[in-house]
Amino acid sequence: MMKSKISFFSCHHQGILKHVSKVSLKVNLIPCVEKKLVIFDMDETLIHCVDDIETQDPDVILEIDFPDEETVYAGINIRPYIMECLEEARKHFQVIVFTASHQVYADAILDYIDPNNEYIEHRLYRQHCYLTSEGYYVKDLRIFGDRDLKDVVIIDNSVYSFAFQIDNGIPIIPFYNDKADEEMLHLVYYLNCLAGVDDVREQNRQAFELFKLSSGDNLEGGDQEQDEEEDLVDLQEPEDPYSLDVKAELTPSQHYYKNTQHEIIQEESKEFSQHDQ
């Protein structure tokens, strides 16, 4: 299953790149020379919208008024430690959210998370994505015309979402309802590491090796035995076939950083690995 997913990703990734030589939409952010740019996905990265608010006991129920439609009540689970992560991230980065969701829905959620716009400086939505011929949305980072891509990083549970700039991406395990989730804590240390590098793509390339997905190569450990795979946490199968299940495809997040040269990441990885056992 893993090899077929990688092969599909590789072929489709190369195909769409041939047809997208430039981005037609540009976004100019408030200039911030001393800070890099960090982009957070929303759904399954920061939050999860439950299917049934009556039976799934969400963290919060938000009223969303879609134009020319009836009011919708959305049950939202909020990923643990997102405020701590956003607080740390903004010390070294411009922080924005880039979601493939509709703006009305996204704004209702982000207004709840950050009502005073203290942490998230800018928001991008579905209309800012590139729509593929199959009907999927890709976040083309060239939309930030005033920023060098060596200073731009995106955090997303769907690798396909940043397929055009694979080395700018930080994959994260999809979030649904795990109250013990600590991915945001792991992410804090890695972002602090990236803040001091000259090119985030070089560090990401070493840490995640996602370029092997687009080239069709196997990731290290891709042929691991079934008993090793059973040690991974079971995750819901994504409805989106392009949304690669990062934890199942790669390794647990505390081992993502195995190739980093930064001691603090290595120490924290060991600490969390021991905690999880």
Protein backbone atom coordinates (compact mmCIF):
# COMPACT_ATOMS: atom_id res chain seq x y z
CA MET A 1 0.00 0.00 0.00
CA MET A 2 2.79 2.41 0.87
CA LYS A 3 4.69 1.85 -2.40
CA SER A 4 1.56 2.38 -4.47
CA LYS A 5 0.78 5.63 -2.66
CA ILE A 6 4.32 6.94 -3.18
CA SER A 7 4.26 5.96 -6.85
CA PHE A 8 0.92 7.71 -7.33
CA PHE A 9 2.14 10.81 -5.54
CA SER A 10 5.32 10.90 -7.62
CA CYS A 11 3.57 10.60 -10.98
CA HIS A 12 0.81 13.05 -10.16
CA HIS A 13 3.19 15.54 -8.52
CA GLN A 14 5.43 15.65 -11.60
CA GLY A 15 2.42 15.89 -13.91
CA ILE A 16 0.84 18.93 -12.32
CA LEU A 17 4.15 20.74 -12.03
CA LYS A 18 4.50 20.62 -15.80
CA HIS A 19 1.30 22.64 -16.12
CA VAL A 20 2.00 25.21 -13.40
CA SER A 21 4.94 27.37 -14.43
CA LYS A 22 3.85 30.44 -12.50
CA VAL A 23 1.33 31.47 -9.91
CA SER A 24 -1.34 33.94 -10.98
CA LEU A 25 -2.27 35.17 -7.49
CA LYS A 26 0.14 37.05 -5.24
CA VAL A 27 -0.12 38.02 -1.58
CA ASN A 28 2.09 40.72 -0.11
CA LEU A 29 2.51 40.46 3.64
CA ILE A 30 3.56 43.16 6.05
CA PRO A 31 7.36 43.40 5.63
CA CYS A 32 9.29 41.66 8.41
CA VAL A 33 12.93 41.36 7.41
CA GLU A 34 14.18 39.85 10.66
CA LYS A 35 11.65 36.99 10.77
CA LYS A 36 11.00 33.95 8.63
CA LEU A 37 7.47 32.97 7.63
CA VAL A 38 5.68 29.97 9.15
CA ILE A 39 2.40 28.78 7.65
CA PHE A 40 -0.03 26.58 9.56
CA ASP A 41 -2.70 24.48 7.93
CA MET A 42 -5.97 24.46 9.90
CA ASP A 43 -8.07 21.28 9.56
CA GLU A 44 -6.43 18.22 11.11
CA THR A 45 -3.36 20.34 11.89
CA LEU A 46 -4.69 22.87 14.41
CA ILE A 47 -8.26 21.59 14.80
CA HIS A 48 -10.68 18.89 13.72
CA CYS A 49 -14.33 19.40 12.82
CA VAL A 50 -16.36 16.42 14.06
CA ASP A 51 -19.00 14.70 11.97
CA ASP A 52 -21.69 14.55 14.65
CA ILE A 53 -21.88 17.08 17.49
CA GLU A 54 -24.46 14.96 19.31
CA THR A 55 -22.34 11.84 19.71
CA GLN A 56 -18.71 12.98 19.46
CA ASP A 57 -18.55 15.55 22.29
CA PRO A 58 -16.44 18.28 20.63
CA ASP A 59 -14.38 20.80 22.60
CA VAL A 60 -16.52 23.67 21.37
CA ILE A 61 -19.55 24.19 19.14
CA LEU A 62 -19.35 27.24 16.90
CA GLU A 63 -22.18 28.93 15.06
CA ILE A 64 -21.25 29.58 11.43
CA ASP A 65 -23.42 31.75 9.21
CA PHE A 66 -22.79 30.92 5.57
CA PRO A 67 -24.03 33.59 3.12
CA ASP A 68 -27.44 32.77 1.68
CA GLU A 69 -27.54 29.51 3.64
CA GLU A 70 -28.85 28.36 6.99
CA THR A 71 -26.72 28.61 10.12
CA VAL A 72 -24.44 25.65 10.71
CA TYR A 73 -23.27 24.48 14.13
CA ALA A 74 -19.78 23.06 13.85
CA GLY A 75 -18.27 20.88 16.55
CA ILE A 76 -14.56 21.60 16.86
CA ASN A 77 -11.80 19.68 18.63
CA ILE A 78 -8.79 21.88 19.31
CA ARG A 79 -5.35 20.32 19.22
CA PRO A 80 -3.57 20.41 22.57
CA TYR A 81 -0.83 23.00 23.02
CA ILE A 82 -1.60 25.04 19.91
CA MET A 83 -1.55 28.30 21.86
CA GLU A 84 1.82 27.47 23.37
CA CYS A 85 3.14 26.66 19.91
CA LEU A 86 1.76 29.84 18.34
CA GLU A 87 3.16 31.90 21.20
CA GLU A 88 6.64 30.47 20.67
CA ALA A 89 6.43 30.59 16.88
CA ARG A 90 5.65 34.28 16.73
CA LYS A 91 8.91 35.10 18.54
CA HIS A 92 10.92 34.08 15.48
CA PHE A 93 8.40 33.93 12.63
CA GLN A 94 5.59 35.75 10.96
CA VAL A 95 2.69 33.40 11.63
CA ILE A 96 -0.13 32.86 9.14
CA VAL A 97 -2.79 30.23 8.55
CA PHE A 98 -3.32 28.87 5.03
CA THR A 99 -6.35 26.61 4.73
CA ALA A 100 -8.16 24.99 1.82
CA SER A 101 -11.44 25.54 3.66
CA HIS A 102 -14.04 28.18 2.90
CA GLN A 103 -13.32 31.58 4.40
CA VAL A 104 -16.51 31.89 6.46
CA TYR A 105 -15.91 28.54 8.13
CA ALA A 106 -12.20 29.21 8.70
CA ASP A 107 -12.73 32.70 10.10
CA ALA A 108 -15.26 31.43 12.65
CA ILE A 109 -12.71 28.96 13.97
CA LEU A 110 -9.69 31.28 13.87
CA ASP A 111 -11.66 34.07 15.52
CA TYR A 112 -12.34 31.68 18.38
CA ILE A 113 -8.71 30.55 18.65
CA ASP A 114 -7.18 34.00 18.25
CA PRO A 115 -9.95 36.58 18.80
CA ASN A 116 -7.60 39.55 19.05
CA ASN A 117 -5.24 38.55 16.22
CA GLU A 118 -2.36 38.33 18.66
CA TYR A 119 -0.72 35.26 17.13
CA ILE A 120 -1.91 34.88 13.54
CA GLU A 121 -0.95 37.84 11.38
CA HIS A 122 -2.63 36.81 8.15
CA ARG A 123 -5.10 34.24 6.82
CA LEU A 124 -5.36 32.58 3.42
CA TYR A 125 -8.24 30.40 2.26
CA ARG A 126 -9.49 28.10 -0.46
CA GLN A 127 -9.53 30.90 -3.02
CA HIS A 128 -5.77 31.27 -2.59
CA CYS A 129 -5.06 27.60 -3.42
CA TYR A 130 -4.27 26.04 -6.78
CA LEU A 131 -7.12 23.77 -7.90
CA THR A 132 -5.95 20.60 -9.66
CA SER A 133 -7.89 18.97 -12.47
CA GLU A 134 -9.04 16.31 -10.00
CA GLY A 135 -10.57 18.91 -7.71
CA TYR A 136 -7.92 19.03 -4.99
CA TYR A 137 -6.33 22.14 -3.54
CA VAL A 138 -2.58 22.75 -3.43
CA LYS A 139 -0.98 25.60 -1.50
CA ASP A 140 1.54 27.09 -3.91
CA LEU A 141 3.99 29.03 -1.73
CA ARG A 142 5.00 31.22 -4.66
CA ILE A 143 1.90 33.20 -3.79
CA PHE A 144 4.09 35.02 -1.27
CA GLY A 145 5.81 37.09 -3.91
CA ASP A 146 7.70 39.23 -1.42
CA ARG A 147 9.30 36.35 0.48
CA ASP A 148 12.28 34.18 -0.45
CA LEU A 149 11.27 30.51 -0.23
CA LYS A 150 14.38 29.75 1.80
CA ASP A 151 12.65 31.62 4.64
CA VAL A 152 9.20 30.01 4.29
CA VAL A 153 7.99 26.86 6.02
CA ILE A 154 4.54 25.23 5.98
CA ILE A 155 3.10 22.78 8.53
CA ASP A 156 0.40 20.51 7.13
CA ASN A 157 -0.93 17.00 7.72
CA SER A 158 -1.36 16.58 3.95
CA VAL A 159 1.95 16.30 2.10
CA TYR A 160 0.12 16.87 -1.15
CA SER A 161 -0.92 20.33 0.05
CA PHE A 162 2.66 21.60 -0.31
CA ALA A 163 3.62 19.34 -3.23
CA PHE A 164 4.93 22.24 -5.34
CA GLN A 165 7.54 23.11 -2.69
CA ILE A 166 8.06 19.78 -0.95
CA ASP A 167 11.20 20.82 0.95
CA ASN A 168 9.42 23.78 2.54
CA GLY A 169 7.01 21.45 4.30
CA ILE A 170 6.90 20.04 7.81
CA PRO A 171 4.57 17.01 7.88
CA ILE A 172 2.50 16.55 11.00
CA ILE A 173 0.35 13.68 12.20
CA PRO A 174 -3.35 14.37 11.55
CA PHE A 175 -5.30 15.41 14.63
CA TYR A 176 -8.80 14.21 15.36
CA ASN A 177 -9.56 13.93 19.07
CA ASP A 178 -6.47 12.75 20.96
CA LYS A 179 -6.32 14.69 24.23
CA ALA A 180 -2.79 13.39 24.83
CA ASP A 181 -1.48 14.68 21.49
CA GLU A 182 1.91 16.41 21.90
CA GLU A 183 2.77 17.23 18.30
CA MET A 184 2.69 20.97 18.96
CA LEU A 185 5.32 20.54 21.69
CA HIS A 186 7.60 18.64 19.32
CA LEU A 187 7.02 21.33 16.72
CA VAL A 188 8.10 24.15 19.06
CA TYR A 189 11.62 22.79 19.28
CA TYR A 190 11.93 22.20 15.57
CA LEU A 191 10.73 25.72 14.74
CA ASN A 192 13.27 27.16 17.17
CA CYS A 193 15.87 25.16 15.30
CA LEU A 194 14.73 26.48 11.91
CA ALA A 195 14.77 30.08 13.10
CA GLY A 196 18.55 30.12 13.01
CA VAL A 197 19.25 28.36 9.70
CA ASP A 198 20.01 30.12 6.44
CA ASP A 199 17.72 27.93 4.31
CA VAL A 200 14.81 26.03 5.92
CA ARG A 201 14.59 23.76 2.90
CA GLU A 202 18.03 22.27 3.54
CA GLN A 203 17.16 21.41 7.14
CA ASN A 204 13.74 20.01 6.19
CA ARG A 205 15.31 17.94 3.45
CA GLN A 206 17.63 16.31 5.97
CA ALA A 207 14.97 15.86 8.65
CA PHE A 208 12.02 14.54 6.60
CA GLU A 209 13.38 13.33 3.25
CA LEU A 210 10.05 14.14 1.60
CA PHE A 211 11.83 14.67 -1.72
CA LYS A 212 11.84 10.88 -1.97
CA LEU A 213 8.07 10.96 -2.28
CA SER A 214 8.16 13.21 -5.32
CA SER A 215 11.02 11.26 -6.88
CA GLY A 216 9.36 7.90 -6.28
CA ASP A 217 12.13 6.60 -4.01
CA ASN A 218 11.31 4.58 -0.92
CA LEU A 219 11.65 6.32 2.40
CA GLU A 220 14.02 4.81 4.94
CA GLY A 221 12.16 2.11 6.79
CA GLY A 222 9.44 1.95 4.15
CA ASP A 223 9.71 -1.85 3.98
CA GLN A 224 9.46 -2.37 7.73
CA GLU A 225 7.82 -5.57 8.90
CA GLN A 226 4.18 -5.77 9.94
CA ASP A 227 5.04 -6.12 13.64
CA GLU A 228 6.87 -2.79 13.52
CA GLU A 229 3.95 -1.11 11.77
CA GLU A 230 1.62 -2.28 14.54
CA ASP A 231 3.57 -0.13 16.98
CA LEU A 232 2.25 2.99 15.24
CA VAL A 233 -0.91 4.67 16.43
CA ASP A 234 -3.94 3.76 14.31
CA LEU A 235 -5.28 6.71 12.35
CA GLN A 236 -8.46 7.22 10.38
CA GLU A 237 -8.05 6.59 6.65
CA PRO A 238 -8.19 10.01 4.97
CA GLU A 239 -10.97 10.52 2.47
CA ASP A 240 -8.60 12.56 0.31
CA PRO A 241 -6.39 10.06 -1.59
CA TYR A 242 -3.67 12.69 -1.92
CA SER A 243 -3.54 13.30 1.82
CA LEU A 244 -0.65 11.03 2.72
CA ASP A 245 -0.93 9.63 6.21
CA VAL A 246 2.34 10.97 7.56
CA LYS A 247 2.60 8.80 10.64
CA ALA A 248 1.80 5.59 8.81
CA GLU A 249 3.98 6.47 5.81
CA LEU A 250 7.03 7.64 7.73
CA THR A 251 7.75 7.27 11.44
CA PRO A 252 6.46 8.76 14.70
CA SER A 253 7.09 12.48 14.84
CA GLN A 254 9.66 12.31 17.61
CA HIS A 255 11.84 10.39 15.14
CA TYR A 256 11.29 12.77 12.23
CA TYR A 257 14.21 14.82 13.42
CA LYS A 258 16.74 11.96 13.37
CA ASN A 259 18.90 13.73 10.79
CA THR A 260 18.97 17.16 12.38
CA GLN A 261 22.31 18.43 13.60
CA HIS A 262 20.76 20.43 16.43
CA GLU A 263 21.38 18.89 19.82
CA ILE A 264 18.23 20.25 21.39
CA ILE A 265 16.08 18.34 18.91
CA GLN A 266 17.96 15.12 19.56
CA GLU A 267 17.56 15.51 23.32
CA GLU A 268 13.86 16.30 23.12
CA SER A 269 13.28 13.41 20.73
CA LYS A 270 14.82 10.98 23.23
CA GLU A 271 12.82 12.47 26.08
CA PHE A 272 9.51 12.14 24.28
CA SER A 273 10.39 8.65 23.02
CA GLN A 274 10.96 7.49 26.57
CA HIS A 275 7.75 9.15 27.68
CA ASP A 276 5.74 7.37 24.99
CA GLN A 277 7.03 3.90 25.89
